[in-house]
């Protein structure tokens, strides 16, 4: 897939449907589990002081431009990305396409039993030809233990789904996928975070007008300021970093003025 570099990471420049088509090709192939991660300003800043997470982002098969900040960064750096692709976007588009094709299954790893039950019920209505092979809600911990990992892998691998949807917090969900990708029995593992809560109805997604304006974060920040203020502060840190990169790039490309004396 075509990519462009933003903050050292190769972000896909392909439209949503092209990403979905790639996932459909993965469904037909044999090999290690492929991964999709949503890149946003918060994840870039977080990876700046977390070398493991940095490696995770570099190793992803597809990095989606999730967040208005990534689109703005592309513009500032002379790139071509003009639309973001959120976790909700990729979730809906993949399921819609696989529902038309039929014959595929998925597994939901994350959130609470109540949320995953709501997800299963809604999937049955929205995408009846995508089989939900199972769900598993891991314990809420800052870091998973080896026993936690074994239990999650056992639950997933017993069902051997085509797609593993992982909905935890960032960067825990991405690290878990990366750490276990060679042990996961699934064609693709996709980290979608809050999509579980949105789709399961626990949290209402921001109104469409905010989504289109790239301000989806604003209503969420107003609802949960204590939990989300640091994440949104990272958005401003990210833009400042990109601004410095853009200035440095412009200086490097500017023609040097020769000294008339020849010196």
Protein backbone atom coordinates (compact mmCIF):
# COMPACT_ATOMS: atom_id res chain seq x y z
CA UNK A 1 0.00 0.00 0.00
CA UNK A 2 1.10 3.55 -0.69
CA UNK A 3 2.22 5.47 2.39
CA UNK A 4 3.68 8.80 3.38
CA UNK A 5 5.90 9.56 6.35
CA UNK A 6 4.44 11.51 9.23
CA UNK A 7 6.56 11.83 12.37
CA UNK A 8 8.71 8.92 11.09
CA UNK A 9 5.72 6.57 10.63
CA UNK A 10 4.46 5.22 7.31
CA UNK A 11 0.78 6.24 7.20
CA UNK A 12 -1.38 4.85 4.41
CA UNK A 13 -2.52 7.31 1.75
CA UNK A 14 -5.03 4.83 0.36
CA UNK A 15 -8.78 5.56 0.63
CA UNK A 16 -10.98 3.57 2.98
CA UNK A 17 -12.26 1.10 0.39
CA UNK A 18 -8.73 0.28 -0.77
CA UNK A 19 -7.84 -0.61 2.82
CA UNK A 20 -10.93 -2.81 3.01
CA UNK A 21 -9.97 -4.52 -0.25
CA UNK A 22 -6.54 -5.27 1.19
CA UNK A 23 -8.14 -6.87 4.25
CA UNK A 24 -10.34 -8.98 1.96
CA UNK A 25 -7.19 -10.22 0.24
CA UNK A 26 -5.76 -11.15 3.62
CA UNK A 27 -8.81 -13.33 4.20
CA UNK A 28 -7.75 -15.47 1.22
CA UNK A 29 -4.07 -15.78 2.17
CA UNK A 30 -2.10 -18.03 4.47
CA UNK A 31 0.53 -16.57 6.75
CA UNK A 32 1.08 -14.64 9.97
CA UNK A 33 -1.61 -12.43 11.44
CA UNK A 34 -1.71 -9.02 9.73
CA UNK A 35 -2.29 -5.90 11.81
CA UNK A 36 -4.08 -2.57 11.47
CA UNK A 37 -3.52 0.29 13.89
CA UNK A 38 -5.11 3.73 14.00
CA UNK A 39 -2.45 6.44 14.22
CA UNK A 40 -3.42 9.68 15.92
CA UNK A 41 -1.52 12.59 17.52
CA UNK A 42 -1.81 11.04 20.98
CA UNK A 43 -0.23 7.76 19.84
CA UNK A 44 2.67 9.62 18.17
CA UNK A 45 3.45 11.57 21.35
CA UNK A 46 3.02 8.47 23.52
CA UNK A 47 5.42 6.49 21.33
CA UNK A 48 7.98 9.28 21.75
CA UNK A 49 8.69 8.07 25.29
CA UNK A 50 7.71 4.41 24.84
CA UNK A 51 10.17 2.53 22.62
CA UNK A 52 8.07 -0.65 22.61
CA UNK A 53 5.03 1.22 21.35
CA UNK A 54 7.22 2.98 18.79
CA UNK A 55 8.27 -0.42 17.40
CA UNK A 56 4.62 -1.51 17.37
CA UNK A 57 3.65 1.44 15.18
CA UNK A 58 6.54 0.88 12.79
CA UNK A 59 5.70 -2.83 12.44
CA UNK A 60 1.97 -2.45 11.68
CA UNK A 61 0.85 -3.67 8.27
CA UNK A 62 -1.47 -0.67 7.91
CA UNK A 63 -1.34 2.58 9.85
CA UNK A 64 -4.58 4.49 9.38
CA UNK A 65 -4.69 8.31 9.47
CA UNK A 66 -7.02 8.52 12.45
CA UNK A 67 -7.59 12.05 13.65
CA UNK A 68 -7.79 15.53 12.18
CA UNK A 69 -4.27 16.17 13.48
CA UNK A 70 -2.82 13.54 11.13
CA UNK A 71 -4.64 15.06 8.15
CA UNK A 72 -3.40 18.53 9.12
CA UNK A 73 0.14 17.20 9.51
CA UNK A 74 -0.01 15.72 6.02
CA UNK A 75 -1.00 19.11 4.60
CA UNK A 76 1.75 20.90 6.53
CA UNK A 77 4.37 18.43 5.27
CA UNK A 78 3.17 18.56 1.66
CA UNK A 79 1.50 15.14 1.75
CA UNK A 80 -1.67 13.91 0.07
CA UNK A 81 -3.86 12.67 2.94
CA UNK A 82 -7.08 14.67 2.95
CA UNK A 83 -9.48 12.48 4.90
CA UNK A 84 -9.06 10.62 8.14
CA UNK A 85 -10.00 6.98 8.59
CA UNK A 86 -11.21 6.31 12.10
CA UNK A 87 -11.60 3.02 13.92
CA UNK A 88 -15.35 3.33 13.47
CA UNK A 89 -14.86 3.86 9.72
CA UNK A 90 -12.72 0.77 9.21
CA UNK A 91 -14.97 -1.33 11.49
CA UNK A 92 -18.14 -0.46 9.56
CA UNK A 93 -16.56 -0.72 6.10
CA UNK A 94 -14.90 -4.10 6.69
CA UNK A 95 -18.03 -5.60 8.21
CA UNK A 96 -20.24 -4.24 5.43
CA UNK A 97 -18.02 -5.74 2.74
CA UNK A 98 -17.58 -9.09 4.49
CA UNK A 99 -21.31 -9.23 5.12
CA UNK A 100 -21.90 -9.00 1.37
CA UNK A 101 -19.37 -11.74 0.69
CA UNK A 102 -20.36 -14.03 3.56
CA UNK A 103 -18.37 -16.91 4.99
CA UNK A 104 -16.18 -14.98 7.44
CA UNK A 105 -16.06 -14.81 11.23
CA UNK A 106 -14.82 -12.38 13.84
CA UNK A 107 -13.97 -12.29 17.53
CA UNK A 108 -14.27 -9.37 19.98
CA UNK A 109 -11.52 -9.06 22.59
CA UNK A 110 -11.92 -6.31 25.17
CA UNK A 111 -14.40 -4.17 27.13
CA UNK A 112 -16.98 -5.69 29.50
CA UNK A 113 -19.32 -8.68 29.09
CA UNK A 114 -22.29 -6.29 28.95
CA UNK A 115 -20.75 -4.29 26.10
CA UNK A 116 -19.66 -7.34 24.10
CA UNK A 117 -23.13 -8.85 24.51
CA UNK A 118 -24.61 -5.64 23.07
CA UNK A 119 -22.09 -5.79 20.22
CA UNK A 120 -23.03 -9.37 19.36
CA UNK A 121 -26.75 -8.48 19.31
CA UNK A 122 -26.16 -5.49 17.07
CA UNK A 123 -23.82 -7.42 14.75
CA UNK A 124 -26.57 -9.99 14.29
CA UNK A 125 -28.89 -7.22 13.09
CA UNK A 126 -26.42 -5.13 11.07
CA UNK A 127 -24.17 -7.83 9.57
CA UNK A 128 -26.03 -11.17 9.75
CA UNK A 129 -23.63 -12.86 7.32
CA UNK A 130 -20.56 -12.16 9.47
CA UNK A 131 -20.43 -14.84 12.16
CA UNK A 132 -19.38 -13.71 15.62
CA UNK A 133 -17.20 -16.62 16.71
CA UNK A 134 -16.85 -15.41 20.29
CA UNK A 135 -16.00 -12.68 22.76
CA UNK A 136 -13.66 -12.34 25.72
CA UNK A 137 -13.43 -9.56 28.31
CA UNK A 138 -9.99 -9.51 29.93
CA UNK A 139 -9.39 -8.13 33.43
CA UNK A 140 -8.86 -4.39 33.78
CA UNK A 141 -5.17 -3.96 34.52
CA UNK A 142 -2.49 -1.46 33.58
CA UNK A 143 -0.38 -4.34 32.28
CA UNK A 144 -1.51 -7.88 31.47
CA UNK A 145 0.19 -10.82 33.16
CA UNK A 146 1.47 -13.88 31.28
CA UNK A 147 -1.53 -15.76 32.62
CA UNK A 148 -3.83 -13.08 31.19
CA UNK A 149 -2.15 -13.43 27.79
CA UNK A 150 -2.53 -17.19 27.80
CA UNK A 151 -6.22 -16.95 28.71
CA UNK A 152 -6.92 -14.41 25.95
CA UNK A 153 -5.02 -16.41 23.35
CA UNK A 154 -6.79 -19.62 24.37
CA UNK A 155 -10.19 -17.96 23.99
CA UNK A 156 -9.37 -16.50 20.57
CA UNK A 157 -7.53 -19.48 19.14
CA UNK A 158 -10.23 -21.93 20.17
CA UNK A 159 -12.54 -20.12 17.74
CA UNK A 160 -9.95 -19.39 14.98
CA UNK A 161 -11.72 -16.25 13.70
CA UNK A 162 -10.85 -14.54 10.44
CA UNK A 163 -10.72 -11.12 12.11
CA UNK A 164 -9.86 -10.31 15.71
CA UNK A 165 -11.25 -6.95 16.82
CA UNK A 166 -9.37 -5.63 19.85
CA UNK A 167 -10.98 -2.88 21.92
CA UNK A 168 -8.88 -1.85 24.90
CA UNK A 169 -7.05 1.35 25.79
CA UNK A 170 -4.11 2.68 23.80
CA UNK A 171 -1.30 1.60 23.77
CA UNK A 172 -2.22 -1.55 25.71
CA UNK A 173 -4.28 -3.01 22.86
CA UNK A 174 -1.59 -2.41 20.22
CA UNK A 175 1.15 -3.82 22.44
CA UNK A 176 -0.91 -6.93 23.15
CA UNK A 177 -1.44 -7.58 19.44
CA UNK A 178 2.23 -7.00 18.65
CA UNK A 179 3.43 -9.18 21.52
CA UNK A 180 1.18 -12.08 20.52
CA UNK A 181 0.78 -11.68 16.75
CA UNK A 182 2.76 -14.83 15.96
CA UNK A 183 0.56 -16.83 18.34
CA UNK A 184 -2.83 -15.48 17.27
CA UNK A 185 -4.92 -17.77 15.05
CA UNK A 186 -6.61 -15.07 12.97
CA UNK A 187 -6.01 -13.57 9.52
CA UNK A 188 -6.06 -10.00 10.87
CA UNK A 189 -5.96 -8.30 14.26
CA UNK A 190 -7.32 -4.76 14.28
CA UNK A 191 -7.06 -2.35 17.23
CA UNK A 192 -10.12 -0.12 17.40
CA UNK A 193 -10.23 1.08 21.01
CA UNK A 194 -13.38 3.02 21.86
CA UNK A 195 -15.27 1.54 18.90
CA UNK A 196 -16.43 -1.24 21.23
CA UNK A 197 -18.07 1.30 23.51
CA UNK A 198 -19.52 3.28 20.60
CA UNK A 199 -20.93 0.28 18.76
CA UNK A 200 -22.07 -1.41 21.97
CA UNK A 201 -23.91 1.72 23.02
CA UNK A 202 -22.02 2.41 26.25
CA UNK A 203 -20.70 5.75 24.97
CA UNK A 204 -22.44 7.98 22.45
CA UNK A 205 -20.22 9.06 19.58
CA UNK A 206 -19.86 12.82 18.97
CA UNK A 207 -22.44 14.37 16.61
CA UNK A 208 -21.74 14.13 12.89
CA UNK A 209 -21.09 17.86 12.55
CA UNK A 210 -18.18 17.58 15.01
CA UNK A 211 -16.85 14.52 13.17
CA UNK A 212 -16.86 16.36 9.84
CA UNK A 213 -15.14 19.40 11.33
CA UNK A 214 -12.39 17.25 12.83
CA UNK A 215 -13.58 18.16 16.34
CA UNK A 216 -14.92 14.78 17.44
CA UNK A 217 -12.66 15.03 20.48
CA UNK A 218 -14.33 18.18 21.81
CA UNK A 219 -17.67 16.77 23.10
CA UNK A 220 -15.80 13.78 24.56
CA UNK A 221 -13.38 16.12 26.35
CA UNK A 222 -16.30 18.09 27.77
CA UNK A 223 -17.92 14.88 29.03
CA UNK A 224 -14.73 13.39 30.54
CA UNK A 225 -12.24 16.24 31.12
CA UNK A 226 -10.27 14.50 33.87
CA UNK A 227 -9.64 11.40 31.78
CA UNK A 228 -9.07 13.04 28.39
CA UNK A 229 -7.36 16.38 29.03
CA UNK A 230 -3.85 14.92 28.78
CA UNK A 231 -4.70 13.09 25.56
CA UNK A 232 -5.93 16.28 23.93
CA UNK A 233 -2.94 18.24 25.18
CA UNK A 234 -0.82 15.74 23.24
CA UNK A 235 -2.67 16.88 20.12
CA UNK A 236 -1.21 20.37 20.49
CA UNK A 237 2.24 18.94 21.23
CA UNK A 238 1.98 16.90 18.05
CA UNK A 239 1.09 19.88 15.87
CA UNK A 240 3.99 21.87 17.34
CA UNK A 241 6.32 18.99 16.49
CA UNK A 242 5.01 18.82 12.93
CA UNK A 243 5.35 22.60 12.57
CA UNK A 244 9.02 22.34 13.48
CA UNK A 245 9.47 19.50 10.98
CA UNK A 246 7.75 21.51 8.25
CA UNK A 247 9.96 24.55 8.91
CA UNK A 248 13.10 22.40 8.90
CA UNK A 249 12.03 20.77 5.63
CA UNK A 250 11.39 24.17 4.04
CA UNK A 251 14.82 25.42 5.12
CA UNK A 252 16.53 22.34 3.65
CA UNK A 253 14.74 22.80 0.33
CA UNK A 254 15.34 26.55 0.06
CA UNK A 255 18.11 27.47 -2.42
CA UNK A 256 21.24 28.82 -0.77
CA UNK A 257 22.21 32.39 -1.65
CA UNK A 258 25.79 32.62 -2.83
CA UNK A 259 28.18 35.18 -1.42
CA UNK A 260 28.92 37.69 -4.25
CA UNK A 261 32.58 37.69 -3.21
CA UNK A 262 32.77 33.99 -3.94
CA UNK A 263 33.38 33.06 -0.33
